Amino acid sequence: MTNVKAKGLLAAFLLTLTLAGCGGQDKLPSSNDVSGATTPPTEEQSIVVKRTISVYSTDSELSKTSAREVEIELSDGDDELALVKSALSELQKDGGAEEISLWKAISFDKVSLEDGLATVDILLPDEARLGGPGEILAIESLTKTMFQFDFVDAVDILVDGEALETLMGHVELEHPYRK
């Protein structure tokens, strides 16, 4: 009788452990079901694609632009506009002690891409204004960053939605800049 009771308690204990282990798991959906068949990713499971792009900065002396390689992440459903926006976001970051972004104080208000024309509408606060050489390098860093993409043939820089004659008062803007 004791042996039957011990077996019953052991079975109940094992059943409790099994049920407790099954109910408390928070797992992400697996790409393989129990039968071993592969299921395609759902909308919640987007695939991340990493891409290396060049972003142009200037040196601390404002004498030249130079490229730095950065890795960006895009979802598999992202389009060319998402790539342009990611590049512009990286353009606003310094590349280290020797590579300075001339765009970090400037906001990209609206960005569009249509038929090879990337239109970048910026908000330019007074503290972001540069002298002539800095203005030239800012424009150069933006156009070089954008023109690395095959699908960008031209870049138009707008300030507060307007096609101004100059960006910061020193250098005449082209509307648009072409490759």
N, C-alpha and C. Protein backbone atom coordinates (compact mmCIF):
# COMPACT_ATOMS: atom_id res chain seq x y z
N MET A 1 0.82 -1.18 0.00
CA MET A 1 0.00 0.00 0.00
C MET A 1 0.87 1.24 0.00
N THR A 2 1.94 1.24 0.77
CA THR A 2 2.83 2.38 0.83
C THR A 2 3.50 2.61 -0.51
N ASN A 3 3.83 1.51 -1.19
CA ASN A 3 4.47 1.58 -2.49
C ASN A 3 3.53 2.23 -3.51
N VAL A 4 2.25 1.91 -3.48
CA VAL A 4 1.27 2.48 -4.39
C VAL A 4 1.09 3.96 -4.09
N LYS A 5 1.06 4.30 -2.82
CA LYS A 5 0.91 5.70 -2.40
C LYS A 5 2.12 6.52 -2.85
N ALA A 6 3.31 6.00 -2.70
CA ALA A 6 4.53 6.69 -3.11
C ALA A 6 4.55 6.90 -4.62
N LYS A 7 4.14 5.89 -5.37
CA LYS A 7 4.09 6.02 -6.83
C LYS A 7 3.08 7.08 -7.24
N GLY A 8 1.95 7.12 -6.55
CA GLY A 8 0.91 8.11 -6.85
C GLY A 8 1.39 9.53 -6.57
N LEU A 9 2.06 9.71 -5.44
CA LEU A 9 2.61 11.03 -5.10
C LEU A 9 3.69 11.45 -6.08
N LEU A 10 4.54 10.51 -6.46
CA LEU A 10 5.60 10.80 -7.43
C LEU A 10 5.00 11.19 -8.78
N ALA A 11 3.96 10.51 -9.22
CA ALA A 11 3.30 10.82 -10.49
C ALA A 11 2.65 12.20 -10.43
N ALA A 12 2.00 12.50 -9.30
CA ALA A 12 1.37 13.81 -9.14
C ALA A 12 2.42 14.92 -9.13
N PHE A 13 3.55 14.68 -8.48
CA PHE A 13 4.63 15.66 -8.42
C PHE A 13 5.20 15.92 -9.81
N LEU A 14 5.46 14.86 -10.58
CA LEU A 14 5.99 15.00 -11.93
C LEU A 14 5.00 15.72 -12.85
N LEU A 15 3.72 15.40 -12.70
CA LEU A 15 2.70 16.06 -13.50
C LEU A 15 2.64 17.55 -13.17
N THR A 16 2.76 17.91 -11.92
CA THR A 16 2.75 19.32 -11.50
C THR A 16 3.95 20.06 -12.07
N LEU A 17 5.13 19.45 -12.00
CA LEU A 17 6.32 20.08 -12.57
C LEU A 17 6.18 20.29 -14.08
N THR A 18 5.64 19.30 -14.77
CA THR A 18 5.47 19.39 -16.22
C THR A 18 4.50 20.51 -16.57
N LEU A 19 3.39 20.58 -15.88
CA LEU A 19 2.40 21.62 -16.16
C LEU A 19 2.94 23.01 -15.80
N ALA A 20 3.66 23.13 -14.73
CA ALA A 20 4.23 24.42 -14.34
C ALA A 20 5.25 24.89 -15.35
N GLY A 21 6.03 23.99 -15.88
CA GLY A 21 7.04 24.35 -16.88
C GLY A 21 6.42 24.79 -18.18
N CYS A 22 5.29 24.21 -18.57
CA CYS A 22 4.66 24.55 -19.85
C CYS A 22 3.93 25.88 -19.79
N GLY A 23 3.34 26.19 -18.66
CA GLY A 23 2.50 27.39 -18.60
C GLY A 23 3.26 28.68 -18.44
N GLY A 24 4.49 28.68 -18.00
CA GLY A 24 5.20 29.92 -17.69
C GLY A 24 6.16 30.39 -18.74
N GLN A 25 6.13 29.84 -19.93
CA GLN A 25 7.11 30.21 -20.94
C GLN A 25 6.58 31.34 -21.81
N ASP A 26 7.40 32.35 -22.02
CA ASP A 26 7.11 33.44 -22.96
C ASP A 26 8.11 33.34 -24.08
N LYS A 27 7.82 32.52 -25.06
CA LYS A 27 8.75 32.32 -26.17
C LYS A 27 8.29 33.10 -27.38
N LEU A 28 9.25 33.53 -28.17
CA LEU A 28 8.93 34.10 -29.47
C LEU A 28 8.50 32.96 -30.37
N PRO A 29 7.63 33.22 -31.36
CA PRO A 29 7.24 32.15 -32.28
C PRO A 29 8.46 31.59 -32.99
N SER A 30 8.48 30.30 -33.13
CA SER A 30 9.59 29.63 -33.80
C SER A 30 9.31 29.53 -35.28
N SER A 31 10.37 29.54 -36.08
CA SER A 31 10.19 29.39 -37.52
C SER A 31 9.94 27.93 -37.89
N ASN A 32 10.10 27.02 -36.93
CA ASN A 32 9.84 25.60 -37.18
C ASN A 32 8.73 25.14 -36.26
N ASP A 33 7.72 24.46 -36.85
CA ASP A 33 6.68 23.93 -36.00
C ASP A 33 7.06 22.51 -35.57
N VAL A 34 6.16 21.84 -34.86
CA VAL A 34 6.47 20.53 -34.30
C VAL A 34 6.78 19.51 -35.39
N SER A 35 6.12 19.64 -36.55
CA SER A 35 6.35 18.66 -37.62
C SER A 35 7.66 18.90 -38.35
N GLY A 36 8.36 20.02 -38.06
CA GLY A 36 9.63 20.30 -38.71
C GLY A 36 9.48 21.14 -39.97
N ALA A 37 8.24 21.45 -40.36
CA ALA A 37 8.03 22.26 -41.56
C ALA A 37 8.35 23.73 -41.25
N THR A 38 8.97 24.42 -42.19
CA THR A 38 9.32 25.82 -42.00
C THR A 38 8.14 26.70 -42.32
N THR A 39 7.89 27.67 -41.43
CA THR A 39 6.81 28.62 -41.69
C THR A 39 7.43 29.96 -42.04
N PRO A 40 6.82 30.69 -42.97
CA PRO A 40 7.38 31.99 -43.35
C PRO A 40 7.23 32.99 -42.22
N PRO A 41 8.08 34.03 -42.18
CA PRO A 41 7.96 35.04 -41.14
C PRO A 41 6.62 35.76 -41.24
N THR A 42 6.06 36.08 -40.09
CA THR A 42 4.80 36.83 -40.07
C THR A 42 5.11 38.32 -40.11
N GLU A 43 4.07 39.14 -40.15
CA GLU A 43 4.27 40.59 -40.19
C GLU A 43 5.01 41.08 -38.96
N GLU A 44 4.78 40.42 -37.81
CA GLU A 44 5.47 40.82 -36.58
C GLU A 44 6.95 40.46 -36.63
N GLN A 45 7.32 39.49 -37.46
CA GLN A 45 8.70 39.02 -37.54
C GLN A 45 9.36 39.58 -38.79
N SER A 46 9.69 40.86 -38.79
CA SER A 46 10.34 41.41 -39.98
C SER A 46 11.83 41.08 -39.93
N ILE A 47 12.39 40.89 -41.10
CA ILE A 47 13.80 40.56 -41.22
C ILE A 47 14.59 41.85 -41.26
N VAL A 48 15.66 41.93 -40.49
CA VAL A 48 16.51 43.11 -40.46
C VAL A 48 17.65 42.90 -41.44
N VAL A 49 17.82 43.90 -42.30
CA VAL A 49 18.88 43.86 -43.29
C VAL A 49 19.92 44.91 -42.91
N LYS A 50 21.17 44.50 -42.80
CA LYS A 50 22.25 45.44 -42.48
C LYS A 50 22.91 45.87 -43.78
N ARG A 51 23.21 47.15 -43.87
CA ARG A 51 23.85 47.68 -45.07
C ARG A 51 24.93 48.67 -44.65
N THR A 52 26.07 48.63 -45.32
CA THR A 52 27.15 49.56 -45.06
C THR A 52 27.08 50.67 -46.09
N ILE A 53 27.07 51.91 -45.59
CA ILE A 53 27.03 53.08 -46.47
C ILE A 53 28.16 54.02 -46.09
N SER A 54 28.42 54.99 -46.95
CA SER A 54 29.41 56.02 -46.67
C SER A 54 28.69 57.29 -46.23
N VAL A 55 29.22 57.90 -45.21
CA VAL A 55 28.70 59.18 -44.72
C VAL A 55 29.87 60.14 -44.69
N TYR A 56 29.65 61.36 -45.16
CA TYR A 56 30.74 62.33 -45.28
C TYR A 56 30.68 63.34 -44.14
N SER A 57 31.85 63.58 -43.56
CA SER A 57 32.04 64.54 -42.48
C SER A 57 33.19 65.45 -42.89
N THR A 58 33.52 66.38 -42.01
CA THR A 58 34.66 67.25 -42.27
C THR A 58 35.65 67.12 -41.13
N ASP A 59 36.84 67.60 -41.36
CA ASP A 59 37.85 67.60 -40.30
C ASP A 59 37.64 68.82 -39.40
N SER A 60 38.32 68.86 -38.29
CA SER A 60 38.13 69.95 -37.32
C SER A 60 38.59 71.30 -37.85
N GLU A 61 39.43 71.30 -38.89
CA GLU A 61 39.91 72.55 -39.50
C GLU A 61 38.98 73.07 -40.60
N LEU A 62 37.92 72.31 -40.89
CA LEU A 62 36.99 72.62 -41.98
C LEU A 62 37.73 72.81 -43.30
N SER A 63 38.63 71.86 -43.59
CA SER A 63 39.41 71.98 -44.82
C SER A 63 39.00 70.98 -45.91
N LYS A 64 38.35 69.86 -45.53
CA LYS A 64 37.97 68.86 -46.52
C LYS A 64 36.92 67.93 -45.94
N THR A 65 36.25 67.22 -46.85
CA THR A 65 35.32 66.18 -46.40
C THR A 65 36.00 64.83 -46.56
N SER A 66 35.59 63.90 -45.74
CA SER A 66 36.10 62.54 -45.86
C SER A 66 34.96 61.57 -45.54
N ALA A 67 35.05 60.39 -46.14
CA ALA A 67 34.02 59.37 -45.96
C ALA A 67 34.34 58.50 -44.76
N ARG A 68 33.30 58.08 -44.10
CA ARG A 68 33.42 57.06 -43.07
C ARG A 68 32.33 56.04 -43.33
N GLU A 69 32.65 54.80 -43.10
CA GLU A 69 31.71 53.71 -43.33
C GLU A 69 30.88 53.50 -42.07
N VAL A 70 29.56 53.40 -42.24
CA VAL A 70 28.67 53.10 -41.13
C VAL A 70 27.74 51.98 -41.55
N GLU A 71 27.31 51.21 -40.58
CA GLU A 71 26.37 50.13 -40.84
C GLU A 71 25.01 50.57 -40.35
N ILE A 72 24.02 50.48 -41.22
CA ILE A 72 22.66 50.83 -40.84
C ILE A 72 21.80 49.58 -40.92
N GLU A 73 20.69 49.61 -40.21
CA GLU A 73 19.76 48.49 -40.22
C GLU A 73 18.45 48.94 -40.81
N LEU A 74 17.95 48.16 -41.74
CA LEU A 74 16.67 48.41 -42.38
C LEU A 74 15.82 47.15 -42.27
N SER A 75 14.52 47.32 -42.25
CA SER A 75 13.63 46.16 -42.31
C SER A 75 13.53 45.73 -43.76
N ASP A 76 13.25 44.45 -43.96
CA ASP A 76 13.20 43.93 -45.33
C ASP A 76 12.15 44.62 -46.18
N GLY A 77 11.15 45.23 -45.58
CA GLY A 77 10.11 45.91 -46.34
C GLY A 77 10.40 47.38 -46.58
N ASP A 78 11.50 47.89 -46.05
CA ASP A 78 11.83 49.30 -46.23
C ASP A 78 12.17 49.59 -47.68
N ASP A 79 11.87 50.80 -48.11
CA ASP A 79 12.13 51.19 -49.48
C ASP A 79 13.34 52.11 -49.57
N GLU A 80 13.55 52.68 -50.74
CA GLU A 80 14.70 53.55 -50.97
C GLU A 80 14.62 54.82 -50.11
N LEU A 81 13.42 55.32 -49.87
CA LEU A 81 13.26 56.51 -49.03
C LEU A 81 13.75 56.23 -47.61
N ALA A 82 13.48 55.06 -47.08
CA ALA A 82 13.97 54.69 -45.75
C ALA A 82 15.49 54.69 -45.72
N LEU A 83 16.12 54.24 -46.79
CA LEU A 83 17.58 54.25 -46.87
C LEU A 83 18.12 55.68 -46.88
N VAL A 84 17.47 56.56 -47.63
CA VAL A 84 17.87 57.98 -47.66
C VAL A 84 17.73 58.60 -46.28
N LYS A 85 16.62 58.35 -45.61
CA LYS A 85 16.40 58.92 -44.27
C LYS A 85 17.43 58.39 -43.27
N SER A 86 17.78 57.11 -43.37
CA SER A 86 18.81 56.55 -42.48
C SER A 86 20.16 57.20 -42.73
N ALA A 87 20.48 57.44 -44.01
CA ALA A 87 21.75 58.09 -44.35
C ALA A 87 21.78 59.52 -43.80
N LEU A 88 20.68 60.23 -43.91
CA LEU A 88 20.62 61.60 -43.38
C LEU A 88 20.76 61.61 -41.86
N SER A 89 20.16 60.62 -41.22
CA SER A 89 20.30 60.51 -39.76
C SER A 89 21.76 60.29 -39.37
N GLU A 90 22.46 59.44 -40.11
CA GLU A 90 23.88 59.20 -39.84
C GLU A 90 24.72 60.43 -40.16
N LEU A 91 24.28 61.23 -41.14
CA LEU A 91 24.99 62.45 -41.51
C LEU A 91 25.03 63.45 -40.36
N GLN A 92 24.08 63.35 -39.45
CA GLN A 92 24.00 64.27 -38.31
C GLN A 92 24.91 63.85 -37.15
N LYS A 93 25.60 62.76 -37.29
CA LYS A 93 26.46 62.26 -36.20
C LYS A 93 27.93 62.51 -36.52
N ASP A 94 28.68 62.87 -35.47
CA ASP A 94 30.13 62.99 -35.62
C ASP A 94 30.72 61.60 -35.83
N GLY A 95 31.83 61.55 -36.53
CA GLY A 95 32.49 60.27 -36.78
C GLY A 95 33.62 60.00 -35.81
N GLY A 96 33.74 60.75 -34.78
CA GLY A 96 34.83 60.61 -33.83
C GLY A 96 35.45 61.97 -33.60
N ALA A 97 36.60 62.00 -32.94
CA ALA A 97 37.25 63.26 -32.59
C ALA A 97 37.71 64.04 -33.81
N GLU A 98 38.06 63.34 -34.87
CA GLU A 98 38.60 64.00 -36.07
C GLU A 98 37.57 64.22 -37.17
N GLU A 99 36.38 63.67 -37.04
CA GLU A 99 35.35 63.78 -38.07
C GLU A 99 34.12 64.46 -37.50
N ILE A 100 33.85 65.67 -37.99
CA ILE A 100 32.79 66.50 -37.43
C ILE A 100 31.63 66.58 -38.42
N SER A 101 30.42 66.41 -37.90
CA SER A 101 29.23 66.58 -38.71
C SER A 101 28.84 68.05 -38.72
N LEU A 102 28.62 68.59 -39.89
CA LEU A 102 28.14 69.97 -40.02
C LEU A 102 26.62 70.02 -40.02
N TRP A 103 25.98 68.88 -39.88
CA TRP A 103 24.52 68.77 -39.94
C TRP A 103 23.88 68.45 -38.60
N LYS A 104 24.66 68.30 -37.53
CA LYS A 104 24.05 67.83 -36.27
C LYS A 104 23.08 68.84 -35.65
N ALA A 105 23.24 70.12 -35.90
CA ALA A 105 22.32 71.12 -35.33
C ALA A 105 21.17 71.44 -36.28
N ILE A 106 21.16 70.82 -37.45
CA ILE A 106 20.15 71.07 -38.47
C ILE A 106 19.14 69.92 -38.45
N SER A 107 17.86 70.26 -38.50
CA SER A 107 16.81 69.23 -38.53
C SER A 107 16.36 68.98 -39.95
N PHE A 108 16.19 67.72 -40.27
CA PHE A 108 15.60 67.34 -41.56
C PHE A 108 14.10 67.25 -41.34
N ASP A 109 13.39 68.29 -41.79
CA ASP A 109 11.96 68.38 -41.54
C ASP A 109 11.18 67.41 -42.41
N LYS A 110 11.38 67.48 -43.72
CA LYS A 110 10.70 66.59 -44.65
C LYS A 110 11.71 66.07 -45.67
N VAL A 111 11.59 64.81 -45.98
CA VAL A 111 12.46 64.19 -46.97
C VAL A 111 11.56 63.41 -47.92
N SER A 112 11.77 63.62 -49.21
CA SER A 112 11.01 62.86 -50.19
C SER A 112 11.94 62.37 -51.29
N LEU A 113 11.47 61.36 -52.00
CA LEU A 113 12.23 60.78 -53.10
C LEU A 113 11.25 60.45 -54.20
N GLU A 114 11.42 61.10 -55.34
CA GLU A 114 10.51 60.86 -56.45
C GLU A 114 11.26 60.98 -57.77
N ASP A 115 11.21 59.92 -58.56
CA ASP A 115 11.84 59.89 -59.88
C ASP A 115 13.31 60.30 -59.84
N GLY A 116 14.04 59.81 -58.85
CA GLY A 116 15.47 60.08 -58.74
C GLY A 116 15.83 61.40 -58.07
N LEU A 117 14.84 62.20 -57.71
CA LEU A 117 15.08 63.48 -57.03
C LEU A 117 14.82 63.33 -55.54
N ALA A 118 15.88 63.50 -54.75
CA ALA A 118 15.75 63.52 -53.29
C ALA A 118 15.58 64.96 -52.87
N THR A 119 14.45 65.28 -52.26
CA THR A 119 14.20 66.64 -51.77
C THR A 119 14.35 66.61 -50.26
N VAL A 120 15.22 67.48 -49.75
CA VAL A 120 15.52 67.54 -48.33
C VAL A 120 15.13 68.93 -47.84
N ASP A 121 14.09 68.98 -47.03
CA ASP A 121 13.61 70.25 -46.46
C ASP A 121 14.14 70.33 -45.04
N ILE A 122 14.93 71.37 -44.76
CA ILE A 122 15.60 71.47 -43.46
C ILE A 122 15.07 72.63 -42.64
N LEU A 123 15.28 72.54 -41.35
CA LEU A 123 15.06 73.64 -40.42
C LEU A 123 16.45 74.07 -39.96
N LEU A 124 16.78 75.33 -40.21
CA LEU A 124 18.14 75.82 -39.99
C LEU A 124 18.15 76.84 -38.85
N PRO A 125 18.49 76.41 -37.63
CA PRO A 125 18.57 77.36 -36.53
C PRO A 125 19.82 78.25 -36.67
N ASP A 126 19.81 79.39 -36.03
CA ASP A 126 20.93 80.33 -36.13
C ASP A 126 22.25 79.72 -35.69
N GLU A 127 22.23 78.87 -34.68
CA GLU A 127 23.49 78.28 -34.18
C GLU A 127 24.10 77.28 -35.16
N ALA A 128 23.35 76.89 -36.20
CA ALA A 128 23.88 75.96 -37.20
C ALA A 128 24.52 76.66 -38.38
N ARG A 129 24.44 77.96 -38.41
CA ARG A 129 24.98 78.71 -39.55
C ARG A 129 26.51 78.72 -39.50
N LEU A 130 27.10 78.59 -40.69
CA LEU A 130 28.55 78.53 -40.81
C LEU A 130 29.03 79.63 -41.75
N GLY A 131 30.32 79.84 -41.81
CA GLY A 131 30.89 80.76 -42.79
C GLY A 131 30.92 80.09 -44.16
N GLY A 132 31.42 80.78 -45.15
CA GLY A 132 31.46 80.28 -46.51
C GLY A 132 32.09 78.92 -46.67
N PRO A 133 33.32 78.70 -46.14
CA PRO A 133 33.95 77.38 -46.28
C PRO A 133 33.14 76.26 -45.61
N GLY A 134 32.58 76.54 -44.46
CA GLY A 134 31.76 75.54 -43.77
C GLY A 134 30.49 75.23 -44.54
N GLU A 135 29.90 76.27 -45.14
CA GLU A 135 28.69 76.08 -45.94
C GLU A 135 28.97 75.20 -47.16
N ILE A 136 30.09 75.45 -47.82
CA ILE A 136 30.48 74.62 -48.98
C ILE A 136 30.65 73.17 -48.56
N LEU A 137 31.33 72.94 -47.43
CA LEU A 137 31.57 71.57 -46.96
C LEU A 137 30.27 70.89 -46.51
N ALA A 138 29.35 71.65 -45.94
CA ALA A 138 28.06 71.07 -45.53
C ALA A 138 27.29 70.58 -46.75
N ILE A 139 27.24 71.41 -47.79
CA ILE A 139 26.55 71.01 -49.01
C ILE A 139 27.25 69.81 -49.64
N GLU A 140 28.57 69.85 -49.68
CA GLU A 140 29.35 68.76 -50.26
C GLU A 140 29.12 67.46 -49.50
N SER A 141 29.10 67.51 -48.18
CA SER A 141 28.91 66.28 -47.41
C SER A 141 27.52 65.69 -47.64
N LEU A 142 26.51 66.53 -47.77
CA LEU A 142 25.16 66.04 -48.02
C LEU A 142 25.04 65.44 -49.42
N THR A 143 25.53 66.14 -50.43
CA THR A 143 25.40 65.64 -51.81
C THR A 143 26.22 64.37 -52.02
N LYS A 144 27.44 64.31 -51.47
CA LYS A 144 28.24 63.09 -51.61
C LYS A 144 27.57 61.90 -50.92
N THR A 145 26.98 62.14 -49.77
CA THR A 145 26.28 61.07 -49.07
C THR A 145 25.09 60.58 -49.89
N MET A 146 24.33 61.48 -50.48
CA MET A 146 23.15 61.10 -51.26
C MET A 146 23.51 60.48 -52.61
N PHE A 147 24.55 60.98 -53.26
CA PHE A 147 24.88 60.51 -54.60
C PHE A 147 25.55 59.14 -54.63
N GLN A 148 25.83 58.55 -53.48
CA GLN A 148 26.35 57.18 -53.48
C GLN A 148 25.28 56.17 -53.89
N PHE A 149 24.02 56.58 -53.80
CA PHE A 149 22.91 55.69 -54.14
C PHE A 149 22.59 55.80 -55.63
N ASP A 150 22.51 54.67 -56.29
CA ASP A 150 22.22 54.65 -57.73
C ASP A 150 20.87 55.29 -58.06
N PHE A 151 19.93 55.18 -57.16
CA PHE A 151 18.58 55.67 -57.42
C PHE A 151 18.42 57.18 -57.18
N VAL A 152 19.46 57.86 -56.69
CA VAL A 152 19.42 59.32 -56.49
C VAL A 152 20.22 59.98 -57.61
N ASP A 153 19.52 60.72 -58.45
CA ASP A 153 20.15 61.44 -59.56
C ASP A 153 20.33 62.92 -59.26
N ALA A 154 19.52 63.44 -58.34
CA ALA A 154 19.56 64.87 -58.02
C ALA A 154 19.12 65.07 -56.57
N VAL A 155 19.61 66.16 -55.96
CA VAL A 155 19.25 66.51 -54.59
C VAL A 155 18.85 67.98 -54.58
N ASP A 156 17.70 68.27 -54.01
CA ASP A 156 17.24 69.64 -53.85
C ASP A 156 17.17 69.94 -52.36
N ILE A 157 17.83 71.01 -51.94
CA ILE A 157 17.86 71.41 -50.53
C ILE A 157 16.93 72.60 -50.37
N LEU A 158 15.90 72.43 -49.55
CA LEU A 158 14.96 73.50 -49.24
C LEU A 158 15.16 73.92 -47.79
N VAL A 159 14.91 75.18 -47.50
CA VAL A 159 14.97 75.69 -46.13
C VAL A 159 13.58 76.18 -45.77
N ASP A 160 12.98 75.58 -44.75
CA ASP A 160 11.61 75.89 -44.34
C ASP A 160 10.65 75.83 -45.52
N GLY A 161 10.83 74.85 -46.39
CA GLY A 161 9.94 74.63 -47.51
C GLY A 161 10.19 75.51 -48.72
N GLU A 162 11.21 76.35 -48.67
CA GLU A 162 11.48 77.27 -49.76
C GLU A 162 12.81 76.97 -50.44
N ALA A 163 12.86 77.17 -51.75
CA ALA A 163 14.09 77.02 -52.52
C ALA A 163 14.82 78.36 -52.47
N LEU A 164 15.65 78.54 -51.46
CA LEU A 164 16.37 79.80 -51.27
C LEU A 164 17.58 79.91 -52.19
N GLU A 165 18.06 81.13 -52.37
CA GLU A 165 19.25 81.35 -53.21
C GLU A 165 20.51 80.82 -52.55
N THR A 166 20.60 80.93 -51.21
CA THR A 166 21.75 80.42 -50.48
C THR A 166 21.28 79.62 -49.28
N LEU A 167 22.14 78.73 -48.83
CA LEU A 167 21.81 77.92 -47.66
C LEU A 167 21.98 78.75 -46.38
N MET A 168 23.15 79.39 -46.26
CA MET A 168 23.47 80.14 -45.04
C MET A 168 23.93 81.56 -45.35
N GLY A 169 23.72 82.01 -46.58
CA GLY A 169 24.05 83.38 -46.93
C GLY A 169 25.36 83.58 -47.66
N HIS A 170 26.09 82.52 -47.96
CA HIS A 170 27.41 82.67 -48.58
C HIS A 170 27.52 82.00 -49.95
N VAL A 171 26.95 80.83 -50.09
CA VAL A 171 27.13 80.02 -51.29
C VAL A 171 25.78 79.85 -51.99
N GLU A 172 25.78 80.10 -53.29
CA GLU A 172 24.55 79.96 -54.06
C GLU A 172 24.15 78.49 -54.15
N LEU A 173 22.88 78.23 -53.87
CA LEU A 173 22.36 76.87 -53.96
C LEU A 173 21.90 76.57 -55.37
N GLU A 174 22.16 75.36 -55.82
CA GLU A 174 21.60 74.88 -57.08
C GLU A 174 20.29 74.18 -56.76
N HIS A 175 19.31 74.34 -57.61
CA HIS A 175 18.01 73.67 -57.41
C HIS A 175 17.66 72.90 -58.65
N PRO A 176 17.95 71.64 -58.71
CA PRO A 176 18.64 70.79 -57.74
C PRO A 176 20.11 70.60 -58.11
N TYR A 177 20.84 69.98 -57.18
CA TYR A 177 22.20 69.52 -57.47
C TYR A 177 22.05 68.21 -58.25
N ARG A 178 22.83 68.05 -59.31
CA ARG A 178 22.76 66.83 -60.13
C ARG A 178 24.09 66.08 -60.06
N LYS A 179 24.01 64.77 -60.24
CA LYS A 179 25.22 63.93 -60.24
C LYS A 179 26.16 64.39 -61.32
